[in-house]
Amino acid sequence: MTGEPPRTVPDRASGLRAVVHGHVQGVGFRWATRQRLGALGLDGAATNLPDGTVEVVAAGPPTALEELVGWLRDGPTPGRVTGVDVSRS
């Protein structure tokens, strides 16, 4: 014992890809998602896909990614999101 505080293991960076289904295409949803990414300290982007979904890619600490997924499922405007498919890396 050296009297030093115990070291914590920081969250290791990881990534995810989420495809958001519902009435989500448009500037407002993408803008709100980018704002949320920044607020959570994540790197990422939101892009409209041709099939009417929005792809969200993000990288950062796993705890922040989990918070993002919960936020995407609830949506910035409740009722517009009908589903979120998530794959992690």
PDB file of N, CA and C in Angstrom:
ATOM      1  N   MET A   1       0.848  -1.181   0.000  1.00  0.00           N
ATOM      2  CA  MET A   1       0.000   0.000   0.000  1.00  0.00           C
ATOM      3  C   MET A   1       0.885   1.234   0.000  1.00  0.00           C
ATOM      4  N   THR A   2       0.684   2.066  -0.962  1.00  0.00           N
ATOM      5  CA  THR A   2       1.487   3.280  -1.073  1.00  0.00           C
ATOM      6  C   THR A   2       0.717   4.513  -0.653  1.00  0.00           C
ATOM      7  N   GLY A   3      -0.540   4.355  -0.311  1.00  0.00           N
ATOM      8  CA  GLY A   3      -1.357   5.509   0.033  1.00  0.00           C
ATOM      9  C   GLY A   3      -1.956   6.199  -1.175  1.00  0.00           C
ATOM     10  N   GLU A   4      -1.654   5.675  -2.369  1.00  0.00           N
ATOM     11  CA  GLU A   4      -2.223   6.253  -3.587  1.00  0.00           C
ATOM     12  C   GLU A   4      -3.641   5.745  -3.773  1.00  0.00           C
ATOM     13  N   PRO A   5      -4.516   6.575  -4.356  1.00  0.00           N
ATOM     14  CA  PRO A   5      -5.881   6.090  -4.620  1.00  0.00           C
ATOM     15  C   PRO A   5      -5.840   4.968  -5.635  1.00  0.00           C
ATOM     16  N   PRO A   6      -6.772   4.024  -5.543  1.00  0.00           N
ATOM     17  CA  PRO A   6      -6.782   2.931  -6.522  1.00  0.00           C
ATOM     18  C   PRO A   6      -7.042   3.460  -7.918  1.00  0.00           C
ATOM     19  N   ARG A   7      -6.407   2.835  -8.870  1.00  0.00           N
ATOM     20  CA  ARG A   7      -6.603   3.229 -10.266  1.00  0.00           C
ATOM     21  C   ARG A   7      -7.866   2.573 -10.793  1.00  0.00           C
ATOM     22  N   THR A   8      -8.601   3.320 -11.573  1.00  0.00           N
ATOM     23  CA  THR A   8      -9.783   2.757 -12.213  1.00  0.00           C
ATOM     24  C   THR A   8      -9.442   2.461 -13.663  1.00  0.00           C
ATOM     25  N   VAL A   9     -10.067   1.468 -14.194  1.00  0.00           N
ATOM     26  CA  VAL A   9      -9.872   1.133 -15.598  1.00  0.00           C
ATOM     27  C   VAL A   9     -10.857   1.972 -16.401  1.00  0.00           C
ATOM     28  N   PRO A  10     -10.362   2.840 -17.281  1.00  0.00           N
ATOM     29  CA  PRO A  10     -11.285   3.674 -18.064  1.00  0.00           C
ATOM     30  C   PRO A  10     -12.081   2.839 -19.045  1.00  0.00           C
ATOM     31  N   ASP A  11     -13.249   3.348 -19.396  1.00  0.00           N
ATOM     32  CA  ASP A  11     -14.030   2.700 -20.442  1.00  0.00           C
ATOM     33  C   ASP A  11     -13.196   2.651 -21.717  1.00  0.00           C
ATOM     34  N   ARG A  12     -13.109   1.503 -22.293  1.00  0.00           N
ATOM     35  CA  ARG A  12     -12.390   1.385 -23.563  1.00  0.00           C
ATOM     36  C   ARG A  12     -13.317   1.824 -24.693  1.00  0.00           C
ATOM     37  N   ALA A  13     -12.727   2.486 -25.663  1.00  0.00           N
ATOM     38  CA  ALA A  13     -13.530   2.949 -26.793  1.00  0.00           C
ATOM     39  C   ALA A  13     -14.018   1.758 -27.604  1.00  0.00           C
ATOM     40  N   SER A  14     -15.238   1.850 -28.044  1.00  0.00           N
ATOM     41  CA  SER A  14     -15.799   0.856 -28.943  1.00  0.00           C
ATOM     42  C   SER A  14     -16.750   1.585 -29.879  1.00  0.00           C
ATOM     43  N   GLY A  15     -17.402   0.849 -30.752  1.00  0.00           N
ATOM     44  CA  GLY A  15     -18.259   1.504 -31.719  1.00  0.00           C
ATOM     45  C   GLY A  15     -19.570   0.776 -31.901  1.00  0.00           C
ATOM     46  N   LEU A  16     -20.472   1.460 -32.570  1.00  0.00           N
ATOM     47  CA  LEU A  16     -21.746   0.840 -32.904  1.00  0.00           C
ATOM     48  C   LEU A  16     -22.291   1.441 -34.177  1.00  0.00           C
ATOM     49  N   ARG A  17     -23.181   0.671 -34.775  1.00  0.00           N
ATOM     50  CA  ARG A  17     -23.959   1.125 -35.931  1.00  0.00           C
ATOM     51  C   ARG A  17     -25.408   0.849 -35.585  1.00  0.00           C
ATOM     52  N   ALA A  18     -26.229   1.866 -35.661  1.00  0.00           N
ATOM     53  CA  ALA A  18     -27.655   1.719 -35.381  1.00  0.00           C
ATOM     54  C   ALA A  18     -28.436   2.169 -36.603  1.00  0.00           C
ATOM     55  N   VAL A  19     -29.439   1.379 -36.968  1.00  0.00           N
ATOM     56  CA  VAL A  19     -30.348   1.757 -38.043  1.00  0.00           C
ATOM     57  C   VAL A  19     -31.688   2.048 -37.378  1.00  0.00           C
ATOM     58  N   VAL A  20     -32.126   3.292 -37.515  1.00  0.00           N
ATOM     59  CA  VAL A  20     -33.343   3.758 -36.857  1.00  0.00           C
ATOM     60  C   VAL A  20     -34.489   3.728 -37.863  1.00  0.00           C
ATOM     61  N   HIS A  21     -35.573   3.041 -37.495  1.00  0.00           N
ATOM     62  CA  HIS A  21     -36.751   2.892 -38.354  1.00  0.00           C
ATOM     63  C   HIS A  21     -37.865   3.819 -37.856  1.00  0.00           C
ATOM     64  N   GLY A  22     -38.712   4.236 -38.763  1.00  0.00           N
ATOM     65  CA  GLY A  22     -39.855   5.065 -38.411  1.00  0.00           C
ATOM     66  C   GLY A  22     -39.871   6.329 -39.248  1.00  0.00           C
ATOM     67  N   HIS A  23     -40.560   7.333 -38.758  1.00  0.00           N
ATOM     68  CA  HIS A  23     -40.641   8.626 -39.448  1.00  0.00           C
ATOM     69  C   HIS A  23     -39.517   9.506 -38.922  1.00  0.00           C
ATOM     70  N   VAL A  24     -38.278   9.171 -39.327  1.00  0.00           N
ATOM     71  CA  VAL A  24     -37.110   9.830 -38.748  1.00  0.00           C
ATOM     72  C   VAL A  24     -36.246  10.561 -39.761  1.00  0.00           C
ATOM     73  N   GLN A  25     -36.500  10.354 -41.050  1.00  0.00           N
ATOM     74  CA  GLN A  25     -35.654  11.046 -42.017  1.00  0.00           C
ATOM     75  C   GLN A  25     -35.968  12.533 -42.010  1.00  0.00           C
ATOM     76  N   GLY A  26     -34.935  13.302 -42.037  1.00  0.00           N
ATOM     77  CA  GLY A  26     -35.083  14.747 -42.075  1.00  0.00           C
ATOM     78  C   GLY A  26     -33.990  15.425 -41.281  1.00  0.00           C
ATOM     79  N   VAL A  27     -33.872  16.702 -41.505  1.00  0.00           N
ATOM     80  CA  VAL A  27     -32.815  17.478 -40.871  1.00  0.00           C
ATOM     81  C   VAL A  27     -32.961  17.485 -39.349  1.00  0.00           C
ATOM     82  N   GLY A  28     -34.179  17.590 -38.847  1.00  0.00           N
ATOM     83  CA  GLY A  28     -34.384  17.700 -37.402  1.00  0.00           C
ATOM     84  C   GLY A  28     -33.874  16.500 -36.632  1.00  0.00           C
ATOM     85  N   PHE A  29     -34.170  15.298 -37.086  1.00  0.00           N
ATOM     86  CA  PHE A  29     -33.724  14.093 -36.386  1.00  0.00           C
ATOM     87  C   PHE A  29     -32.214  13.956 -36.458  1.00  0.00           C
ATOM     88  N   ARG A  30     -31.653  14.182 -37.643  1.00  0.00           N
ATOM     89  CA  ARG A  30     -30.192  14.084 -37.783  1.00  0.00           C
ATOM     90  C   ARG A  30     -29.491  15.133 -36.933  1.00  0.00           C
ATOM     91  N   TRP A  31     -30.011  16.348 -36.906  1.00  0.00           N
ATOM     92  CA  TRP A  31     -29.415  17.412 -36.102  1.00  0.00           C
ATOM     93  C   TRP A  31     -29.474  17.052 -34.612  1.00  0.00           C
ATOM     94  N   ALA A  32     -30.640  16.594 -34.148  1.00  0.00           N
ATOM     95  CA  ALA A  32     -30.793  16.228 -32.739  1.00  0.00           C
ATOM     96  C   ALA A  32     -29.846  15.081 -32.379  1.00  0.00           C
ATOM     97  N   THR A  33     -29.672  14.138 -33.293  1.00  0.00           N
ATOM     98  CA  THR A  33     -28.768  13.017 -33.042  1.00  0.00           C
ATOM     99  C   THR A  33     -27.332  13.492 -32.946  1.00  0.00           C
ATOM    100  N   ARG A  34     -26.923  14.376 -33.836  1.00  0.00           N
ATOM    101  CA  ARG A  34     -25.551  14.903 -33.771  1.00  0.00           C
ATOM    102  C   ARG A  34     -25.330  15.692 -32.482  1.00  0.00           C
ATOM    103  N   GLN A  35     -26.333  16.438 -32.057  1.00  0.00           N
ATOM    104  CA  GLN A  35     -26.232  17.167 -30.783  1.00  0.00           C
ATOM    105  C   GLN A  35     -26.063  16.188 -29.623  1.00  0.00           C
ATOM    106  N   ARG A  36     -26.819  15.095 -29.648  1.00  0.00           N
ATOM    107  CA  ARG A  36     -26.742  14.090 -28.577  1.00  0.00           C
ATOM    108  C   ARG A  36     -25.387  13.403 -28.581  1.00  0.00           C
ATOM    109  N   LEU A  37     -24.866  13.092 -29.768  1.00  0.00           N
ATOM    110  CA  LEU A  37     -23.526  12.509 -29.858  1.00  0.00           C
ATOM    111  C   LEU A  37     -22.507  13.407 -29.163  1.00  0.00           C
ATOM    112  N   GLY A  38     -22.554  14.692 -29.470  1.00  0.00           N
ATOM    113  CA  GLY A  38     -21.624  15.636 -28.860  1.00  0.00           C
ATOM    114  C   GLY A  38     -21.797  15.736 -27.357  1.00  0.00           C
ATOM    115  N   ALA A  39     -23.041  15.771 -26.894  1.00  0.00           N
ATOM    116  CA  ALA A  39     -23.311  15.873 -25.459  1.00  0.00           C
ATOM    117  C   ALA A  39     -22.791  14.659 -24.702  1.00  0.00           C
ATOM    118  N   LEU A  40     -22.780  13.499 -25.363  1.00  0.00           N
ATOM    119  CA  LEU A  40     -22.286  12.277 -24.736  1.00  0.00           C
ATOM    120  C   LEU A  40     -20.785  12.085 -24.927  1.00  0.00           C
ATOM    121  N   GLY A  41     -20.143  12.991 -25.661  1.00  0.00           N
ATOM    122  CA  GLY A  41     -18.712  12.876 -25.907  1.00  0.00           C
ATOM    123  C   GLY A  41     -18.354  11.789 -26.906  1.00  0.00           C
ATOM    124  N   LEU A  42     -19.275  11.493 -27.813  1.00  0.00           N
ATOM    125  CA  LEU A  42     -19.055  10.459 -28.815  1.00  0.00           C
ATOM    126  C   LEU A  42     -18.691  11.069 -30.160  1.00  0.00           C
ATOM    127  N   ASP A  43     -17.905  10.356 -30.927  1.00  0.00           N
ATOM    128  CA  ASP A  43     -17.658  10.702 -32.323  1.00  0.00           C
ATOM    129  C   ASP A  43     -18.686   9.959 -33.148  1.00  0.00           C
ATOM    130  N   GLY A  44     -19.226  10.594 -34.173  1.00  0.00           N
ATOM    131  CA  GLY A  44     -20.183   9.873 -34.990  1.00  0.00           C
ATOM    132  C   GLY A  44     -20.933  10.759 -35.951  1.00  0.00           C
ATOM    133  N   ALA A  45     -21.916  10.138 -36.604  1.00  0.00           N
ATOM    134  CA  ALA A  45     -22.710  10.836 -37.613  1.00  0.00           C
ATOM    135  C   ALA A  45     -24.054  10.142 -37.777  1.00  0.00           C
ATOM    136  N   ALA A  46     -24.995  10.867 -38.357  1.00  0.00           N
ATOM    137  CA  ALA A  46     -26.318  10.329 -38.690  1.00  0.00           C
ATOM    138  C   ALA A  46     -26.575  10.634 -40.160  1.00  0.00           C
ATOM    139  N   THR A  47     -27.011   9.617 -40.903  1.00  0.00           N
ATOM    140  CA  THR A  47     -27.185   9.742 -42.347  1.00  0.00           C
ATOM    141  C   THR A  47     -28.492   9.096 -42.786  1.00  0.00           C
ATOM    142  N   ASN A  48     -29.236   9.763 -43.663  1.00  0.00           N
ATOM    143  CA  ASN A  48     -30.429   9.156 -44.264  1.00  0.00           C
ATOM    144  C   ASN A  48     -30.002   8.039 -45.202  1.00  0.00           C
ATOM    145  N   LEU A  49     -30.721   6.933 -45.164  1.00  0.00           N
ATOM    146  CA  LEU A  49     -30.489   5.832 -46.094  1.00  0.00           C
ATOM    147  C   LEU A  49     -31.635   5.787 -47.111  1.00  0.00           C
ATOM    148  N   PRO A  50     -31.408   5.235 -48.299  1.00  0.00           N
ATOM    149  CA  PRO A  50     -32.423   5.224 -49.347  1.00  0.00           C
ATOM    150  C   PRO A  50     -33.727   4.522 -48.965  1.00  0.00           C
ATOM    151  N   ASP A  51     -33.680   3.590 -48.011  1.00  0.00           N
ATOM    152  CA  ASP A  51     -34.894   2.848 -47.648  1.00  0.00           C
ATOM    153  C   ASP A  51     -35.771   3.572 -46.628  1.00  0.00           C
ATOM    154  N   GLY A  52     -35.426   4.807 -46.284  1.00  0.00           N
ATOM    155  CA  GLY A  52     -36.234   5.584 -45.351  1.00  0.00           C
ATOM    156  C   GLY A  52     -35.789   5.512 -43.912  1.00  0.00           C
ATOM    157  N   THR A  53     -34.726   4.764 -43.640  1.00  0.00           N
ATOM    158  CA  THR A  53     -34.185   4.690 -42.291  1.00  0.00           C
ATOM    159  C   THR A  53     -33.056   5.709 -42.131  1.00  0.00           C
ATOM    160  N   VAL A  54     -32.579   5.845 -40.906  1.00  0.00           N
ATOM    161  CA  VAL A  54     -31.422   6.688 -40.621  1.00  0.00           C
ATOM    162  C   VAL A  54     -30.347   5.816 -39.994  1.00  0.00           C
ATOM    163  N   GLU A  55     -29.142   5.892 -40.545  1.00  0.00           N
ATOM    164  CA  GLU A  55     -28.005   5.166 -39.993  1.00  0.00           C
ATOM    165  C   GLU A  55     -27.251   6.092 -39.049  1.00  0.00           C
ATOM    166  N   VAL A  56     -26.977   5.599 -37.843  1.00  0.00           N
ATOM    167  CA  VAL A  56     -26.185   6.335 -36.868  1.00  0.00           C
ATOM    168  C   VAL A  56     -24.953   5.491 -36.566  1.00  0.00           C
ATOM    169  N   VAL A  57     -23.785   6.058 -36.784  1.00  0.00           N
ATOM    170  CA  VAL A  57     -22.544   5.394 -36.401  1.00  0.00           C
ATOM    171  C   VAL A  57     -21.911   6.230 -35.306  1.00  0.00           C
ATOM    172  N   ALA A  58     -21.339   5.546 -34.309  1.00  0.00           N
ATOM    173  CA  ALA A  58     -20.758   6.263 -33.175  1.00  0.00           C
ATOM    174  C   ALA A  58     -19.612   5.460 -32.594  1.00  0.00           C
ATOM    175  N   ALA A  59     -18.663   6.168 -31.990  1.00  0.00           N
ATOM    176  CA  ALA A  59     -17.531   5.536 -31.314  1.00  0.00           C
ATOM    177  C   ALA A  59     -17.256   6.293 -30.026  1.00  0.00           C
ATOM    178  N   GLY A  60     -16.913   5.524 -28.995  1.00  0.00           N
ATOM    179  CA  GLY A  60     -16.593   6.125 -27.712  1.00  0.00           C
ATOM    180  C   GLY A  60     -16.762   5.113 -26.597  1.00  0.00           C
ATOM    181  N   PRO A  61     -16.832   5.588 -25.362  1.00  0.00           N
ATOM    182  CA  PRO A  61     -16.966   4.693 -24.225  1.00  0.00           C
ATOM    183  C   PRO A  61     -18.270   3.899 -24.269  1.00  0.00           C
ATOM    184  N   PRO A  62     -18.228   2.618 -23.913  1.00  0.00           N
ATOM    185  CA  PRO A  62     -19.432   1.776 -23.958  1.00  0.00           C
ATOM    186  C   PRO A  62     -20.608   2.338 -23.162  1.00  0.00           C
ATOM    187  N   THR A  63     -20.357   2.951 -22.030  1.00  0.00           N
ATOM    188  CA  THR A  63     -21.477   3.482 -21.241  1.00  0.00           C
ATOM    189  C   THR A  63     -22.193   4.597 -21.993  1.00  0.00           C
ATOM    190  N   ALA A  64     -21.437   5.439 -22.677  1.00  0.00           N
ATOM    191  CA  ALA A  64     -22.047   6.518 -23.463  1.00  0.00           C
ATOM    192  C   ALA A  64     -22.788   5.945 -24.671  1.00  0.00           C
ATOM    193  N   LEU A  65     -22.247   4.890 -25.270  1.00  0.00           N
ATOM    194  CA  LEU A  65     -22.927   4.259 -26.400  1.00  0.00           C
ATOM    195  C   LEU A  65     -24.260   3.665 -25.964  1.00  0.00           C
ATOM    196  N   GLU A  66     -24.292   3.048 -24.792  1.00  0.00           N
ATOM    197  CA  GLU A  66     -25.553   2.492 -24.278  1.00  0.00           C
ATOM    198  C   GLU A  66     -26.581   3.595 -24.039  1.00  0.00           C
ATOM    199  N   GLU A  67     -26.110   4.726 -23.532  1.00  0.00           N
ATOM    200  CA  GLU A  67     -27.018   5.855 -23.319  1.00  0.00           C
ATOM    201  C   GLU A  67     -27.562   6.359 -24.652  1.00  0.00           C
ATOM    202  N   LEU A  68     -26.710   6.393 -25.671  1.00  0.00           N
ATOM    203  CA  LEU A  68     -27.149   6.809 -27.003  1.00  0.00           C
ATOM    204  C   LEU A  68     -28.225   5.874 -27.534  1.00  0.00           C
ATOM    205  N   VAL A  69     -28.023   4.562 -27.391  1.00  0.00           N
ATOM    206  CA  VAL A  69     -29.007   3.594 -27.888  1.00  0.00           C
ATOM    207  C   VAL A  69     -30.356   3.803 -27.202  1.00  0.00           C
ATOM    208  N   GLY A  70     -30.338   4.015 -25.893  1.00  0.00           N
ATOM    209  CA  GLY A  70     -31.588   4.280 -25.180  1.00  0.00           C
ATOM    210  C   GLY A  70     -32.265   5.534 -25.691  1.00  0.00           C
ATOM    211  N   TRP A  71     -31.475   6.566 -25.934  1.00  0.00           N
ATOM    212  CA  TRP A  71     -32.010   7.828 -26.449  1.00  0.00           C
ATOM    213  C   TRP A  71     -32.587   7.633 -27.845  1.00  0.00           C
ATOM    214  N   LEU A  72     -31.894   6.856 -28.691  1.00  0.00           N
ATOM    215  CA  LEU A  72     -32.413   6.598 -30.037  1.00  0.00           C
ATOM    216  C   LEU A  72     -33.733   5.843 -29.978  1.00  0.00           C
ATOM    217  N   ARG A  73     -33.841   4.883 -29.075  1.00  0.00           N
ATOM    218  CA  ARG A  73     -35.085   4.106 -28.964  1.00  0.00           C
ATOM    219  C   ARG A  73     -36.249   4.981 -28.511  1.00  0.00           C
ATOM    220  N   ASP A  74     -35.974   5.891 -27.580  1.00  0.00           N
ATOM    221  CA  ASP A  74     -37.017   6.808 -27.110  1.00  0.00           C
ATOM    222  C   ASP A  74     -37.266   7.899 -28.136  1.00  0.00           C
ATOM    223  N   GLY A  75     -36.207   8.266 -28.863  1.00  0.00           N
ATOM    224  CA  GLY A  75     -36.298   9.280 -29.902  1.00  0.00           C
ATOM    225  C   GLY A  75     -36.412  10.685 -29.357  1.00  0.00           C
ATOM    226  N   PRO A  76     -35.890  11.627 -30.110  1.00  0.00           N
ATOM    227  CA  PRO A  76     -36.007  13.026 -29.697  1.00  0.00           C
ATOM    228  C   PRO A  76     -37.453  13.512 -29.789  1.00  0.00           C
ATOM    229  N   THR A  77     -38.243  12.813 -30.601  1.00  0.00           N
ATOM    230  CA  THR A  77     -39.677  13.107 -30.695  1.00  0.00           C
ATOM    231  C   THR A  77     -40.411  11.787 -30.541  1.00  0.00           C
ATOM    232  N   PRO A  78     -40.891  11.480 -29.341  1.00  0.00           N
ATOM    233  CA  PRO A  78     -41.525  10.173 -29.084  1.00  0.00           C
ATOM    234  C   PRO A  78     -42.618   9.848 -30.101  1.00  0.00           C
ATOM    235  N   GLY A  79     -42.668   8.575 -30.471  1.00  0.00           N
ATOM    236  CA  GLY A  79     -43.669   8.107 -31.423  1.00  0.00           C
ATOM    237  C   GLY A  79     -43.169   8.036 -32.849  1.00  0.00           C
ATOM    238  N   ARG A  80     -42.060   8.715 -33.151  1.00  0.00           N
ATOM    239  CA  ARG A  80     -41.543   8.683 -34.520  1.00  0.00           C
ATOM    240  C   ARG A  80     -40.674   7.460 -34.777  1.00  0.00           C
ATOM    241  N   VAL A  81     -39.993   6.968 -33.745  1.00  0.00           N
ATOM    242  CA  VAL A  81     -39.108   5.813 -33.893  1.00  0.00           C
ATOM    243  C   VAL A  81     -39.918   4.546 -33.663  1.00  0.00           C
ATOM    244  N   THR A  82     -39.853   3.634 -34.642  1.00  0.00           N
ATOM    245  CA  THR A  82     -40.584   2.376 -34.503  1.00  0.00           C
ATOM    246  C   THR A  82     -39.657   1.202 -34.188  1.00  0.00           C
ATOM    247  N   GLY A  83     -38.352   1.392 -34.355  1.00  0.00           N
ATOM    248  CA  GLY A  83     -37.392   0.341 -34.049  1.00  0.00           C
ATOM    249  C   GLY A  83     -35.979   0.812 -34.270  1.00  0.00           C
ATOM    250  N   VAL A  84     -35.050   0.156 -33.567  1.00  0.00           N
ATOM    251  CA  VAL A  84     -33.629   0.462 -33.715  1.00  0.00           C
ATOM    252  C   VAL A  84     -32.875  -0.861 -33.769  1.00  0.00           C
ATOM    253  N   ASP A  85     -32.170  -1.108 -34.867  1.00  0.00           N
ATOM    254  CA  ASP A  85     -31.317  -2.285 -35.012  1.00  0.00           C
ATOM    255  C   ASP A  85     -29.881  -1.852 -34.703  1.00  0.00           C
ATOM    256  N   VAL A  86     -29.249  -2.536 -33.751  1.00  0.00           N
ATOM    257  CA  VAL A  86     -27.912  -2.130 -33.312  1.00  0.00           C
ATOM    258  C   VAL A  86     -26.922  -3.255 -33.531  1.00  0.00           C
ATOM    259  N   SER A  87     -25.760  -2.906 -34.096  1.00  0.00           N
ATOM    260  CA  SER A  87     -24.631  -3.829 -34.161  1.00  0.00           C
ATOM    261  C   SER A  87     -23.430  -3.111 -33.552  1.00  0.00           C
ATOM    262  N   ARG A  88     -22.657  -3.865 -32.791  1.00  0.00           N
ATOM    263  CA  ARG A  88     -21.509  -3.274 -32.074  1.00  0.00           C
ATOM    264  C   ARG A  88     -20.208  -3.810 -32.619  1.00  0.00           C
ATOM    265  N   SER A  89     -19.172  -2.990 -32.483  1.00  0.00           N
ATOM    266  CA  SER A  89     -17.840  -3.428 -32.903  1.00  0.00           C
ATOM    267  C   SER A  89     -16.856  -3.205 -31.796  1.00  0.00           C
TER     268      SER A  89
END
